[in-house]
Amino acid sequence: MLLKSATDVIERGVPQIDSYAAALLNSPALNKGTAFTDEERARLGLNGLLPPQVETLEEQSVRAYEAFKRKDDDLERHIYLRALQDTNEVLFYKLLAEHLEEMMPIAYTPVVAMGCQLFSHIYRRPRGLFISYPARNSIREILKSRPNREVDVMVVTDGQRVLGIGDQGVGGMGISIGKLSLYTLIGGIHPMRTLPVVLDVGTDNAERLADPEYLGWRHKRRDDKDYFAFVEQFVDAVKKELPNTLLHWEDLSTAHARPILERYGNELLTYNDDIQGTAAVTLAAMLAAVSVTREKLTDQQFVLLGAGSSIGVADYLRAAMVQEGLSEAEARSRFWMVDIKGLLHTGRTDLTPDQRVYAQPREVVASWSQPPVGTIGLEEVIKNIDATALIGLSTAGGAFTEAIVREMARKVERPIIFPLSNPTDKSEAKPADLIRWTDGRGLVATGTAFPPVDFSGKQFSIAQCNNAYIFPAVGLGVAATRAWRITDSMMLAAARALASASPALRDPTAPLLPALTAAREVTVEIAVAVAEAAQADGVAPKMTQEVLRQSVTQAQWTPQYPAF
């Protein structure tokens, strides 16, 4: 039965909520809990609704940390943090900022993967927008129902390729929420100006479909024709309703991610983190590693395992080499890309246009296997070339074997090895093994967090190639300057700015990337570099260096309670 007015609500016996105080306490963005002052409590009608003791944010954070530590496992800690975020956002971000290294893996990767898998079982309160395929003709109306009018950044996923755990359907909302938490925590984007979105086009995950508690549209995924038409409807609605909002695509399938980015990249302010963010942070770590080896980026021979997200990584490495003087053809020749069917070469007929860019000439590799050219695996590639850098984006746990790594290390003094797949069990190798197999000479960065490695009396801190160094800074730079497009030049500038902050530039035994505890400070420098590149590309208003930096720093939100 339709309820048309407040009077109708009362007459139908639905409980009426007319208390401003109750609304305040139930708003995670405005709730201060026990930090409301006596004067605020009296003026806002909060007397009696809170314990009498008035606390500071710092005192509340101590209590919240005690509660966090009492949880028995990482999933329970994740659920606790999500509940705190849905209760008091300022306290949530204050707590994370004070315990960043400890809590970031819980709030985000790797534990968020479990949160996505169990999303329907741990769901408590609504956050963000759920746009399902059956509602495809009402997308603009759904966007109008967003909780906050002004939105700087929205993270949008369809849940098809969540981290390394595959199709999670509506559970992908967990990754949208997690990404936006980092936009705020590290980038300083105001939490009230963010919007998580899941495009629910069904799921091919049989376990989810069979789960009686699954909260998504219980249907097989739509085919590509329906899928792309649905995305088109969504983008059209965004253009009309949120034309100045950064649309961040997350965890789309490889088959969908690049076509969507190429289709809409010149039409609106949009960005794909799996393609551009992963590529930029990997380039930053590689630039730092090359500086440690005292070689040039243009001297490297890159072997990449995986031919999905790794295409974006190769694109940015290639673009950086061209910036440093190589021709396009020379730069392309430095890449050896291996997928599940082996090395990409011109004799293969199953390659996509993007993969063909990195296919080695058939005649170059013809002698590597019995004729006709058969499958050439990673081990054969490492055996036949002098690879200086090995990058994994395959989700094939343990694929960088001892034999492969030792063969690589035999031919290069400082092998650069980046097993970037996550979560942890999908990593191509463990850093401790890589350090041991290279006799401590390897320069290692990973896609998920690993503890320091003790070897031969030394401790090696392992850099995490975390996109969180990049996308929050891009969001901040865009928000501060009101840029209207994301360009590759902006992303390359972000990578070079991050590389310049590498601790390894000052101490060759230090990690290739800064500690995550310094990410917020580094973010300002990256955001400024992004903004300068945006101006140079003509996609942001011109401003002086002084005004630009001031705009970036002033745009950063910090977790502090507002005065009422």
Protein backbone atom coordinates (compact mmCIF):
# COMPACT_ATOMS: atom_id res chain seq x y z
CA MET A 1 0.00 0.00 0.00
CA LEU A 2 1.51 3.35 -1.09
CA LEU A 3 2.24 5.97 1.58
CA LYS A 4 1.94 9.44 0.07
CA SER A 5 2.47 11.84 2.97
CA ALA A 6 3.58 12.18 6.58
CA THR A 7 -0.07 12.27 7.63
CA ASP A 8 -0.66 9.07 5.69
CA VAL A 9 2.30 7.49 7.48
CA ILE A 10 0.90 8.36 10.89
CA GLU A 11 -2.63 7.24 10.02
CA ARG A 12 -1.32 3.89 8.79
CA GLY A 13 0.40 3.31 12.09
CA VAL A 14 3.99 3.56 10.83
CA PRO A 15 6.20 4.97 13.63
CA GLN A 16 6.93 8.66 13.11
CA ILE A 17 10.47 10.01 13.41
CA ASP A 18 10.32 13.76 14.02
CA SER A 19 13.35 14.11 16.29
CA TYR A 20 16.26 16.10 14.87
CA ALA A 21 18.37 14.63 17.66
CA ALA A 22 17.60 11.07 16.57
CA ALA A 23 18.41 11.96 12.97
CA LEU A 24 21.78 13.38 14.06
CA LEU A 25 22.72 10.29 16.03
CA ASN A 26 21.72 8.06 13.13
CA SER A 27 23.75 9.98 10.54
CA PRO A 28 27.30 8.54 10.31
CA ALA A 29 28.52 11.75 8.70
CA LEU A 30 27.18 14.00 11.48
CA ASN A 31 27.13 11.80 14.56
CA LYS A 32 29.71 12.76 17.21
CA GLY A 33 28.46 10.35 19.86
CA THR A 34 29.89 11.13 23.28
CA ALA A 35 31.89 14.03 21.78
CA PHE A 36 28.81 16.26 21.60
CA THR A 37 29.47 19.03 24.12
CA ASP A 38 27.09 19.88 26.96
CA GLU A 39 26.06 23.03 25.11
CA GLU A 40 25.41 21.08 21.88
CA ARG A 41 23.43 18.44 23.75
CA ALA A 42 21.18 21.06 25.29
CA ARG A 43 20.66 22.97 22.06
CA LEU A 44 20.16 19.93 19.83
CA GLY A 45 17.86 18.00 22.14
CA LEU A 46 20.43 15.30 22.93
CA ASN A 47 20.21 15.44 26.72
CA GLY A 48 19.49 11.99 28.07
CA LEU A 49 20.26 10.29 24.74
CA LEU A 50 23.96 9.96 25.53
CA PRO A 51 26.00 9.03 28.62
CA PRO A 52 26.84 12.17 30.61
CA GLN A 53 30.62 12.05 30.07
CA VAL A 54 31.82 14.30 27.23
CA GLU A 55 34.81 12.83 25.41
CA THR A 56 37.31 14.06 22.86
CA LEU A 57 37.73 12.35 19.51
CA GLU A 58 41.08 11.06 20.75
CA GLU A 59 39.46 9.45 23.79
CA GLN A 60 36.80 7.85 21.61
CA SER A 61 39.54 6.48 19.36
CA VAL A 62 41.19 4.74 22.33
CA ARG A 63 37.92 2.99 23.20
CA ALA A 64 37.31 2.03 19.56
CA TYR A 65 40.80 0.55 19.29
CA GLU A 66 40.21 -1.53 22.42
CA ALA A 67 37.03 -2.91 20.84
CA PHE A 68 38.87 -3.64 17.59
CA LYS A 69 41.58 -5.59 19.42
CA ARG A 70 38.99 -7.75 21.20
CA LYS A 71 37.78 -9.23 17.92
CA ASP A 72 38.89 -12.82 17.39
CA ASP A 73 39.71 -12.84 13.66
CA ASP A 74 40.24 -10.56 10.69
CA LEU A 75 36.72 -10.93 9.32
CA GLU A 76 35.24 -9.87 12.67
CA ARG A 77 37.62 -6.91 12.71
CA HIS A 78 36.50 -6.01 9.18
CA ILE A 79 32.85 -6.19 10.24
CA TYR A 80 33.60 -4.02 13.27
CA LEU A 81 35.27 -1.33 11.14
CA ARG A 82 32.41 -1.35 8.65
CA ALA A 83 29.91 -0.98 11.51
CA LEU A 84 31.91 1.93 12.91
CA GLN A 85 31.96 3.57 9.48
CA ASP A 86 28.17 3.25 9.36
CA THR A 87 27.86 4.77 12.83
CA ASN A 88 30.47 7.52 13.08
CA GLU A 89 32.56 8.27 10.01
CA VAL A 90 34.86 10.81 11.64
CA LEU A 91 35.81 8.34 14.37
CA PHE A 92 36.24 5.60 11.76
CA TYR A 93 38.77 7.65 9.79
CA LYS A 94 40.51 8.91 12.93
CA LEU A 95 40.98 5.32 14.09
CA LEU A 96 42.31 4.15 10.72
CA ALA A 97 44.67 7.11 10.43
CA GLU A 98 46.17 6.33 13.84
CA HIS A 99 46.63 2.63 13.06
CA LEU A 100 47.06 2.70 9.29
CA GLU A 101 49.52 -0.15 8.84
CA GLU A 102 47.56 -2.44 11.14
CA MET A 103 44.07 -1.63 9.91
CA MET A 104 44.40 -0.95 6.20
CA PRO A 105 44.76 -4.68 5.37
CA ILE A 106 41.59 -5.26 7.42
CA ALA A 107 39.51 -2.45 5.97
CA TYR A 108 40.83 -3.06 2.45
CA THR A 109 43.01 -5.78 0.89
CA PRO A 110 43.38 -8.59 1.60
CA VAL A 111 40.48 -8.96 4.08
CA VAL A 112 37.99 -7.01 1.97
CA ALA A 113 38.03 -9.99 -0.41
CA MET A 114 36.41 -12.10 2.30
CA GLY A 115 34.02 -9.24 3.03
CA CYS A 116 32.89 -9.29 -0.61
CA GLN A 117 32.45 -13.07 -0.60
CA LEU A 118 30.32 -12.88 2.53
CA PHE A 119 28.70 -9.53 1.74
CA SER A 120 25.15 -10.87 1.91
CA HIS A 121 25.85 -12.56 5.25
CA ILE A 122 27.47 -9.58 6.98
CA TYR A 123 25.24 -6.86 5.48
CA ARG A 124 23.94 -4.49 8.17
CA ARG A 125 23.09 -1.03 6.88
CA PRO A 126 22.62 0.49 3.44
CA ARG A 127 25.51 2.42 1.91
CA GLY A 128 25.78 3.54 -1.69
CA LEU A 129 23.53 2.75 -4.64
CA PHE A 130 22.50 -0.67 -5.95
CA ILE A 131 21.54 -0.40 -9.62
CA SER A 132 20.21 -3.71 -10.89
CA TYR A 133 19.54 -4.72 -14.46
CA PRO A 134 15.73 -4.94 -14.00
CA ALA A 135 15.82 -1.24 -12.98
CA ARG A 136 17.75 -0.21 -16.10
CA ASN A 137 15.08 2.24 -17.23
CA SER A 138 15.10 4.08 -13.89
CA ILE A 139 18.81 4.71 -13.46
CA ARG A 140 18.59 8.49 -13.35
CA GLU A 141 15.87 8.31 -10.71
CA ILE A 142 18.10 5.99 -8.67
CA LEU A 143 20.99 8.43 -8.98
CA LYS A 144 18.70 11.19 -7.75
CA SER A 145 18.10 9.19 -4.57
CA ARG A 146 21.79 9.39 -3.57
CA PRO A 147 22.19 10.54 0.03
CA ASN A 148 24.40 13.56 -0.79
CA ARG A 149 23.85 15.97 -3.68
CA GLU A 150 27.49 16.91 -4.36
CA VAL A 151 29.74 14.00 -5.29
CA ASP A 152 33.43 14.32 -6.15
CA VAL A 153 34.13 10.61 -6.71
CA MET A 154 32.01 7.53 -7.33
CA VAL A 155 33.49 4.04 -7.47
CA VAL A 156 31.50 1.72 -9.72
CA THR A 157 31.87 -2.04 -10.03
CA ASP A 158 29.84 -4.87 -11.49
CA GLY A 159 31.48 -7.35 -9.11
CA GLN A 160 32.63 -9.68 -11.90
CA ARG A 161 36.35 -9.79 -11.13
CA VAL A 162 36.81 -8.85 -7.49
CA LEU A 163 40.53 -8.86 -6.63
CA GLY A 164 41.69 -12.44 -7.24
CA ILE A 165 38.48 -14.15 -6.12
CA GLY A 166 36.33 -13.75 -9.23
CA ASP A 167 32.63 -13.06 -9.66
CA GLN A 168 30.92 -11.89 -6.46
CA GLY A 169 27.89 -10.20 -8.00
CA VAL A 170 26.32 -7.66 -5.67
CA GLY A 171 29.06 -8.43 -3.13
CA GLY A 172 31.28 -6.21 -5.25
CA MET A 173 29.76 -3.30 -3.32
CA GLY A 174 32.31 -4.12 -0.63
CA ILE A 175 35.17 -3.17 -2.95
CA SER A 176 33.48 0.11 -3.96
CA ILE A 177 33.06 1.03 -0.30
CA GLY A 178 36.65 0.00 0.48
CA LYS A 179 38.15 2.01 -2.38
CA LEU A 180 36.26 5.14 -1.37
CA SER A 181 37.45 4.72 2.21
CA LEU A 182 40.98 5.12 0.86
CA TYR A 183 40.00 8.14 -1.26
CA THR A 184 39.10 9.75 2.06
CA LEU A 185 41.74 8.27 4.35
CA ILE A 186 44.70 8.90 2.04
CA GLY A 187 43.46 11.41 -0.51
CA GLY A 188 41.38 13.53 1.83
CA ILE A 189 38.21 13.46 -0.28
CA HIS A 190 35.34 14.38 2.03
CA PRO A 191 33.37 11.20 2.86
CA MET A 192 30.09 13.00 2.22
CA ARG A 193 31.25 13.69 -1.33
CA THR A 194 31.79 10.04 -2.27
CA LEU A 195 29.37 7.48 -3.69
CA PRO A 196 29.86 3.69 -3.94
CA VAL A 197 27.85 2.02 -6.71
CA VAL A 198 27.33 -1.56 -7.83
CA LEU A 199 25.87 -2.36 -11.24
CA ASP A 200 24.10 -5.64 -10.58
CA VAL A 201 23.81 -7.50 -13.88
CA GLY A 202 23.56 -10.89 -12.20
CA THR A 203 26.32 -13.34 -11.38
CA ASP A 204 27.74 -16.53 -12.85
CA ASN A 205 28.94 -17.61 -9.42
CA ALA A 206 26.92 -20.77 -8.73
CA GLU A 207 27.65 -20.56 -5.01
CA ARG A 208 26.14 -17.08 -4.81
CA LEU A 209 23.10 -18.03 -6.85
CA ALA A 210 22.46 -21.03 -4.62
CA ASP A 211 22.89 -19.05 -1.40
CA PRO A 212 19.45 -18.37 0.13
CA GLU A 213 20.86 -15.22 1.76
CA TYR A 214 22.32 -13.76 -1.45
CA LEU A 215 21.06 -10.17 -1.73
CA GLY A 216 21.71 -9.55 -5.43
CA TRP A 217 19.62 -10.07 -8.55
CA ARG A 218 19.39 -13.86 -8.64
CA HIS A 219 20.12 -14.32 -12.30
CA LYS A 220 22.94 -15.35 -14.62
CA ARG A 221 24.96 -12.43 -15.94
CA ARG A 222 23.54 -10.73 -19.01
CA ASP A 223 25.34 -11.29 -22.30
CA ASP A 224 27.66 -8.63 -23.71
CA LYS A 225 24.99 -7.01 -25.86
CA ASP A 226 22.70 -6.42 -22.88
CA TYR A 227 25.62 -5.60 -20.61
CA PHE A 228 27.09 -2.84 -22.76
CA ALA A 229 23.61 -1.40 -23.39
CA PHE A 230 23.07 -1.28 -19.62
CA VAL A 231 26.42 0.46 -19.09
CA GLU A 232 25.46 2.96 -21.81
CA GLN A 233 22.23 3.74 -19.94
CA PHE A 234 24.17 4.19 -16.73
CA VAL A 235 26.77 6.50 -18.28
CA ASP A 236 24.05 8.58 -19.96
CA ALA A 237 22.36 9.02 -16.58
CA VAL A 238 25.68 10.00 -14.96
CA LYS A 239 26.28 12.62 -17.68
CA LYS A 240 22.93 14.20 -16.90
CA GLU A 241 22.89 13.83 -13.12
CA LEU A 242 26.58 13.95 -12.07
CA PRO A 243 28.50 15.42 -15.02
CA ASN A 244 31.42 16.72 -12.92
CA THR A 245 31.95 13.60 -10.83
CA LEU A 246 35.01 11.35 -11.26
CA LEU A 247 33.67 7.95 -12.32
CA HIS A 248 36.13 5.31 -11.14
CA TRP A 249 35.58 1.84 -12.65
CA GLU A 250 36.66 -1.07 -10.47
CA ASP A 251 37.01 -4.84 -10.86
CA LEU A 252 35.31 -5.21 -14.24
CA SER A 253 36.22 -8.25 -16.30
CA THR A 254 39.15 -7.90 -18.67
CA ALA A 255 36.76 -8.24 -21.62
CA HIS A 256 34.72 -5.26 -20.41
CA ALA A 257 37.21 -2.96 -18.68
CA ARG A 258 39.22 -1.68 -21.62
CA PRO A 259 36.31 -1.29 -24.08
CA ILE A 260 34.42 0.76 -21.49
CA LEU A 261 37.45 2.96 -20.78
CA GLU A 262 38.11 3.49 -24.48
CA ARG A 263 34.42 4.12 -25.21
CA TYR A 264 33.88 6.78 -22.53
CA GLY A 265 37.35 8.10 -21.73
CA ASN A 266 36.88 11.16 -23.94
CA GLU A 267 33.25 11.74 -22.99
CA LEU A 268 33.41 12.22 -19.25
CA LEU A 269 35.71 12.32 -16.24
CA THR A 270 36.47 8.62 -15.90
CA TYR A 271 39.25 6.28 -14.87
CA ASN A 272 39.83 2.53 -14.50
CA ASP A 273 41.95 1.61 -11.50
CA ASP A 274 42.73 -1.94 -12.61
CA ILE A 275 44.18 -0.61 -15.86
CA GLN A 276 45.53 2.85 -15.07
CA GLY A 277 46.11 2.70 -11.31
CA THR A 278 47.90 -0.63 -11.40
CA ALA A 279 49.98 0.56 -14.33
CA ALA A 280 50.96 3.83 -12.65
CA VAL A 281 52.00 2.33 -9.30
CA THR A 282 53.94 -0.45 -11.05
CA LEU A 283 55.73 2.12 -13.21
CA ALA A 284 56.59 4.10 -10.06
CA ALA A 285 58.11 1.04 -8.37
CA MET A 286 59.96 0.13 -11.58
CA LEU A 287 61.43 3.63 -11.91
CA ALA A 288 62.63 3.40 -8.32
CA ALA A 289 64.11 -0.07 -8.90
CA VAL A 290 65.94 1.07 -12.03
CA SER A 291 67.38 3.98 -10.07
CA VAL A 292 68.74 1.51 -7.51
CA THR A 293 70.40 -0.57 -10.24
CA ARG A 294 71.83 2.64 -11.76
CA GLU A 295 70.52 1.61 -15.15
CA LYS A 296 68.03 3.21 -17.50
CA LEU A 297 64.41 2.23 -17.95
CA THR A 298 65.18 1.97 -21.65
CA ASP A 299 67.73 -0.81 -20.96
CA GLN A 300 65.19 -3.20 -19.43
CA GLN A 301 63.74 -6.44 -20.80
CA PHE A 302 60.29 -7.00 -19.25
CA VAL A 303 58.64 -10.39 -18.81
CA LEU A 304 54.98 -10.20 -17.75
CA LEU A 305 52.93 -13.18 -16.61
CA GLY A 306 49.26 -12.56 -17.38
CA ALA A 307 47.86 -10.71 -20.37
CA GLY A 308 44.87 -8.91 -18.85
CA SER A 309 45.69 -6.11 -16.41
CA SER A 310 49.30 -6.46 -17.49
CA ILE A 311 48.43 -4.82 -20.81
CA GLY A 312 47.87 -1.54 -18.97
CA VAL A 313 51.14 -1.99 -17.08
CA ALA A 314 53.00 -2.60 -20.33
CA ASP A 315 51.34 0.43 -21.93
CA TYR A 316 52.63 2.78 -19.22
CA LEU A 317 56.09 1.23 -19.13
CA ARG A 318 56.24 1.57 -22.89
CA ALA A 319 55.02 5.19 -22.79
CA ALA A 320 57.65 6.04 -20.18
CA MET A 321 60.38 4.47 -22.32
CA VAL A 322 59.22 6.49 -25.31
CA GLN A 323 59.33 9.63 -23.14
CA GLU A 324 62.95 8.69 -22.39
CA GLY A 325 63.95 8.35 -26.02
CA LEU A 326 63.04 4.94 -27.45
CA SER A 327 60.95 4.62 -30.59
CA GLU A 328 57.58 2.87 -30.32
CA ALA A 329 58.95 -0.19 -32.13
CA GLU A 330 62.03 -0.36 -29.90
CA ALA A 331 59.92 -0.05 -26.76
CA ARG A 332 57.48 -2.77 -27.86
CA SER A 333 60.36 -5.18 -28.54
CA ARG A 334 61.33 -5.09 -24.85
CA PHE A 335 58.18 -6.90 -23.72
CA TRP A 336 57.68 -10.66 -23.39
CA MET A 337 54.12 -11.35 -22.28
CA VAL A 338 52.92 -14.83 -21.24
CA ASP A 339 49.30 -15.84 -20.71
CA ILE A 340 47.70 -19.19 -19.92
CA LYS A 341 48.44 -20.35 -23.48
CA GLY A 342 52.06 -19.27 -23.39
CA LEU A 343 54.12 -16.47 -24.89
CA LEU A 344 52.31 -13.94 -27.05
CA HIS A 345 53.83 -14.15 -30.53
CA THR A 346 52.67 -13.33 -34.03
CA GLY A 347 52.08 -16.99 -34.88
CA ARG A 348 49.15 -17.11 -32.47
CA THR A 349 45.68 -16.46 -33.90
CA ASP A 350 43.85 -16.06 -30.57
CA LEU A 351 45.21 -12.66 -29.52
CA THR A 352 43.11 -9.54 -28.96
CA PRO A 353 44.17 -6.29 -30.66
CA ASP A 354 45.66 -5.07 -27.37
CA GLN A 355 47.66 -8.26 -26.96
CA ARG A 356 48.94 -8.20 -30.54
CA VAL A 357 50.76 -4.96 -29.72
CA TYR A 358 53.09 -7.01 -27.51
CA ALA A 359 53.37 -10.16 -29.62
CA GLN A 360 56.98 -11.06 -30.36
CA PRO A 361 57.79 -11.95 -33.99
CA ARG A 362 57.24 -15.65 -34.60
CA GLU A 363 60.63 -16.02 -36.25
CA VAL A 364 62.40 -14.71 -33.13
CA VAL A 365 61.01 -17.53 -30.97
CA ALA A 366 60.72 -20.27 -33.59
CA SER A 367 63.74 -22.16 -32.28
CA TRP A 368 62.49 -22.14 -28.66
CA SER A 369 60.17 -25.13 -29.14
CA GLN A 370 59.71 -28.01 -31.53
CA PRO A 371 58.31 -26.83 -34.89
CA PRO A 372 55.68 -25.78 -35.50
CA VAL A 373 55.94 -23.23 -32.72
CA GLY A 374 54.04 -24.62 -29.77
CA THR A 375 53.30 -23.28 -26.32
CA ILE A 376 56.23 -21.31 -24.94
CA GLY A 377 55.89 -21.02 -21.19
CA LEU A 378 57.41 -18.67 -18.66
CA GLU A 379 60.33 -20.98 -17.95
CA GLU A 380 61.31 -21.09 -21.63
CA VAL A 381 61.15 -17.29 -21.91
CA ILE A 382 63.39 -16.77 -18.89
CA LYS A 383 65.80 -19.39 -20.23
CA ASN A 384 66.09 -17.78 -23.67
CA ILE A 385 66.34 -14.06 -22.86
CA ASP A 386 68.23 -11.91 -20.38
CA ALA A 387 65.18 -10.69 -18.49
CA THR A 388 65.84 -7.83 -16.07
CA ALA A 389 62.28 -7.46 -14.75
CA LEU A 390 59.62 -10.08 -14.04
CA ILE A 391 56.07 -8.90 -13.31
CA GLY A 392 53.15 -11.10 -12.31
CA LEU A 393 49.49 -10.16 -12.76
CA SER A 394 48.21 -13.66 -13.35
CA THR A 395 46.55 -14.66 -10.03
CA ALA A 396 48.53 -17.91 -10.47
CA GLY A 397 49.84 -18.48 -6.97
CA GLY A 398 53.43 -19.75 -6.89
CA ALA A 399 54.02 -19.33 -10.64
CA PHE A 400 57.44 -17.75 -10.06
CA THR A 401 59.20 -20.98 -9.15
CA GLU A 402 62.67 -21.38 -7.69
CA ALA A 403 64.02 -22.66 -11.01
CA ILE A 404 62.66 -19.65 -12.90
CA VAL A 405 63.90 -17.10 -10.38
CA ARG A 406 67.37 -18.65 -10.02
CA GLU A 407 67.77 -18.75 -13.79
CA MET A 408 66.84 -15.09 -14.02
CA ALA A 409 69.19 -14.17 -11.14
CA ARG A 410 72.03 -16.09 -12.80
CA LYS A 411 72.03 -13.67 -15.72
CA VAL A 412 71.31 -10.29 -14.08
CA GLU A 413 72.97 -8.67 -11.07
CA ARG A 414 69.85 -7.07 -9.54
CA PRO A 415 66.74 -8.90 -10.77
CA ILE A 416 63.54 -6.86 -10.42
CA ILE A 417 60.67 -9.13 -9.46
CA PHE A 418 57.12 -7.93 -8.83
CA PRO A 419 54.54 -10.65 -7.94
CA LEU A 420 51.53 -8.32 -7.99
CA SER A 421 48.52 -10.63 -7.79
CA ASN A 422 46.35 -10.56 -4.70
CA PRO A 423 45.08 -11.65 -2.26
CA THR A 424 48.06 -13.33 -0.64
CA ASP A 425 47.42 -16.88 -1.84
CA LYS A 426 47.29 -15.64 -5.45
CA SER A 427 50.73 -14.03 -5.29
CA GLU A 428 53.13 -15.48 -7.86
CA ALA A 429 55.79 -15.87 -5.15
CA LYS A 430 56.52 -15.06 -1.53
CA PRO A 431 59.07 -12.32 -0.94
CA ALA A 432 61.05 -14.47 1.51
CA ASP A 433 61.60 -17.04 -1.24
CA LEU A 434 62.52 -14.40 -3.80
CA ILE A 435 65.11 -12.84 -1.50
CA ARG A 436 66.57 -16.27 -0.74
CA TRP A 437 66.58 -17.49 -4.35
CA THR A 438 68.36 -14.31 -5.50
CA ASP A 439 70.85 -14.37 -2.61
CA GLY A 440 69.48 -11.05 -1.37
CA ARG A 441 70.01 -9.29 -4.72
CA GLY A 442 66.37 -9.16 -5.82
CA LEU A 443 64.42 -5.90 -5.88
CA VAL A 444 60.95 -6.98 -4.82
CA ALA A 445 57.54 -5.33 -4.70
CA THR A 446 54.27 -7.18 -4.17
CA GLY A 447 50.59 -6.59 -4.79
CA THR A 448 49.57 -7.42 -1.23
CA ALA A 449 51.21 -6.74 2.12
CA PHE A 450 54.01 -9.03 3.29
CA PRO A 451 56.16 -8.78 6.44
CA PRO A 452 59.86 -7.84 6.26
CA VAL A 453 62.28 -10.59 5.26
CA ASP A 454 65.37 -11.49 7.30
CA PHE A 455 68.20 -12.85 5.19
CA SER A 456 71.94 -13.13 5.77
CA GLY A 457 71.89 -10.74 8.73
CA LYS A 458 69.87 -8.07 6.93
CA GLN A 459 66.22 -7.13 7.03
CA PHE A 460 64.49 -6.38 3.74
CA SER A 461 61.28 -4.33 3.90
CA ILE A 462 58.96 -5.27 1.05
CA ALA A 463 57.23 -2.52 -0.89
CA GLN A 464 53.56 -3.07 -1.59
CA CYS A 465 52.60 -1.97 -5.11
CA ASN A 466 49.32 -0.69 -3.78
CA ASN A 467 47.09 1.38 -6.03
CA ALA A 468 46.23 3.38 -2.91
CA TYR A 469 49.33 5.46 -3.62
CA ILE A 470 47.77 6.57 -6.91
CA PHE A 471 43.97 6.77 -7.10
CA PRO A 472 43.40 8.90 -3.95
CA ALA A 473 45.97 11.40 -5.23
CA VAL A 474 44.37 11.47 -8.67
CA GLY A 475 40.98 12.08 -7.05
CA LEU A 476 42.42 14.88 -4.92
CA GLY A 477 44.16 16.54 -7.87
CA VAL A 478 41.00 16.38 -9.97
CA ALA A 479 38.76 17.67 -7.17
CA ALA A 480 41.12 20.51 -6.31
CA THR A 481 41.47 21.76 -9.89
CA ARG A 482 38.07 20.76 -11.30
CA ALA A 483 39.67 18.89 -14.19
CA TRP A 484 37.17 17.44 -16.65
CA ARG A 485 39.18 14.53 -18.05
CA ILE A 486 41.81 11.99 -16.94
CA THR A 487 44.71 11.71 -19.41
CA ASP A 488 47.58 9.25 -19.64
CA SER A 489 49.98 12.16 -19.12
CA MET A 490 48.34 12.80 -15.76
CA MET A 491 48.83 9.16 -14.76
CA LEU A 492 52.46 9.10 -15.92
CA ALA A 493 53.06 12.27 -13.90
CA ALA A 494 51.54 10.54 -10.86
CA ALA A 495 53.91 7.59 -11.30
CA ARG A 496 57.00 9.77 -11.60
CA ALA A 497 56.00 11.82 -8.56
CA LEU A 498 55.56 8.65 -6.51
CA ALA A 499 58.88 7.26 -7.74
CA SER A 500 60.65 10.45 -6.64
CA ALA A 501 59.45 9.74 -3.07
CA SER A 502 61.03 6.26 -3.01
CA PRO A 503 63.10 5.60 0.14
CA ALA A 504 65.36 3.43 -2.04
CA LEU A 505 66.69 6.57 -3.76
CA ARG A 506 68.39 7.47 -0.48
CA ASP A 507 69.06 3.96 0.84
CA PRO A 508 69.36 1.09 -1.69
CA THR A 509 68.31 -1.41 1.00
CA ALA A 510 65.07 0.47 1.71
CA PRO A 511 61.72 -0.46 0.09
CA LEU A 512 60.96 0.81 -3.40
CA LEU A 513 57.87 2.72 -2.29
CA PRO A 514 57.20 4.88 0.79
CA ALA A 515 55.57 3.44 3.88
CA LEU A 516 51.80 3.61 3.75
CA THR A 517 51.93 5.73 6.89
CA ALA A 518 53.48 8.46 4.71
CA ALA A 519 50.98 8.03 1.89
CA ARG A 520 48.84 11.01 2.86
CA GLU A 521 51.82 13.38 2.73
CA VAL A 522 53.07 11.90 -0.53
CA THR A 523 49.55 12.24 -1.92
CA VAL A 524 49.84 16.03 -1.92
CA GLU A 525 52.92 15.92 -4.16
CA ILE A 526 51.33 13.39 -6.50
CA ALA A 527 48.10 15.42 -6.66
CA VAL A 528 50.05 18.55 -7.56
CA ALA A 529 51.88 16.66 -10.32
CA VAL A 530 48.55 15.32 -11.62
CA ALA A 531 47.04 18.81 -11.58
CA GLU A 532 50.02 20.31 -13.41
CA ALA A 533 49.75 17.64 -16.10
CA ALA A 534 46.01 18.28 -16.39
CA GLN A 535 46.70 21.96 -17.03
CA ALA A 536 49.40 21.13 -19.56
CA ASP A 537 46.94 18.86 -21.37
CA GLY A 538 44.29 21.58 -21.37
CA VAL A 539 41.76 19.60 -19.29
CA ALA A 540 41.82 21.81 -16.19
CA PRO A 541 41.61 25.57 -15.55
CA LYS A 542 44.94 27.37 -15.50
CA MET A 543 46.28 28.55 -12.14
CA THR A 544 49.64 29.49 -10.73
CA GLN A 545 51.83 26.92 -8.98
CA GLU A 546 51.18 28.64 -5.64
CA VAL A 547 47.41 28.70 -6.10
CA LEU A 548 47.41 25.12 -7.38
CA ARG A 549 49.27 23.78 -4.34
CA GLN A 550 47.06 25.79 -2.02
CA SER A 551 43.98 24.41 -3.75
CA VAL A 552 45.22 20.85 -3.29
CA THR A 553 46.07 21.22 0.39
CA GLN A 554 42.82 23.04 1.17
CA ALA A 555 40.81 20.31 -0.55
CA GLN A 556 42.11 17.65 1.85
CA TRP A 557 39.56 16.72 4.50
CA THR A 558 40.84 15.61 7.89
CA PRO A 559 38.82 13.63 10.45
CA GLN A 560 37.62 16.34 12.82
CA TYR A 561 34.18 16.87 14.28
CA PRO A 562 32.14 19.84 13.04
CA ALA A 563 30.84 22.38 15.51
CA PHE A 564 27.06 22.56 15.77
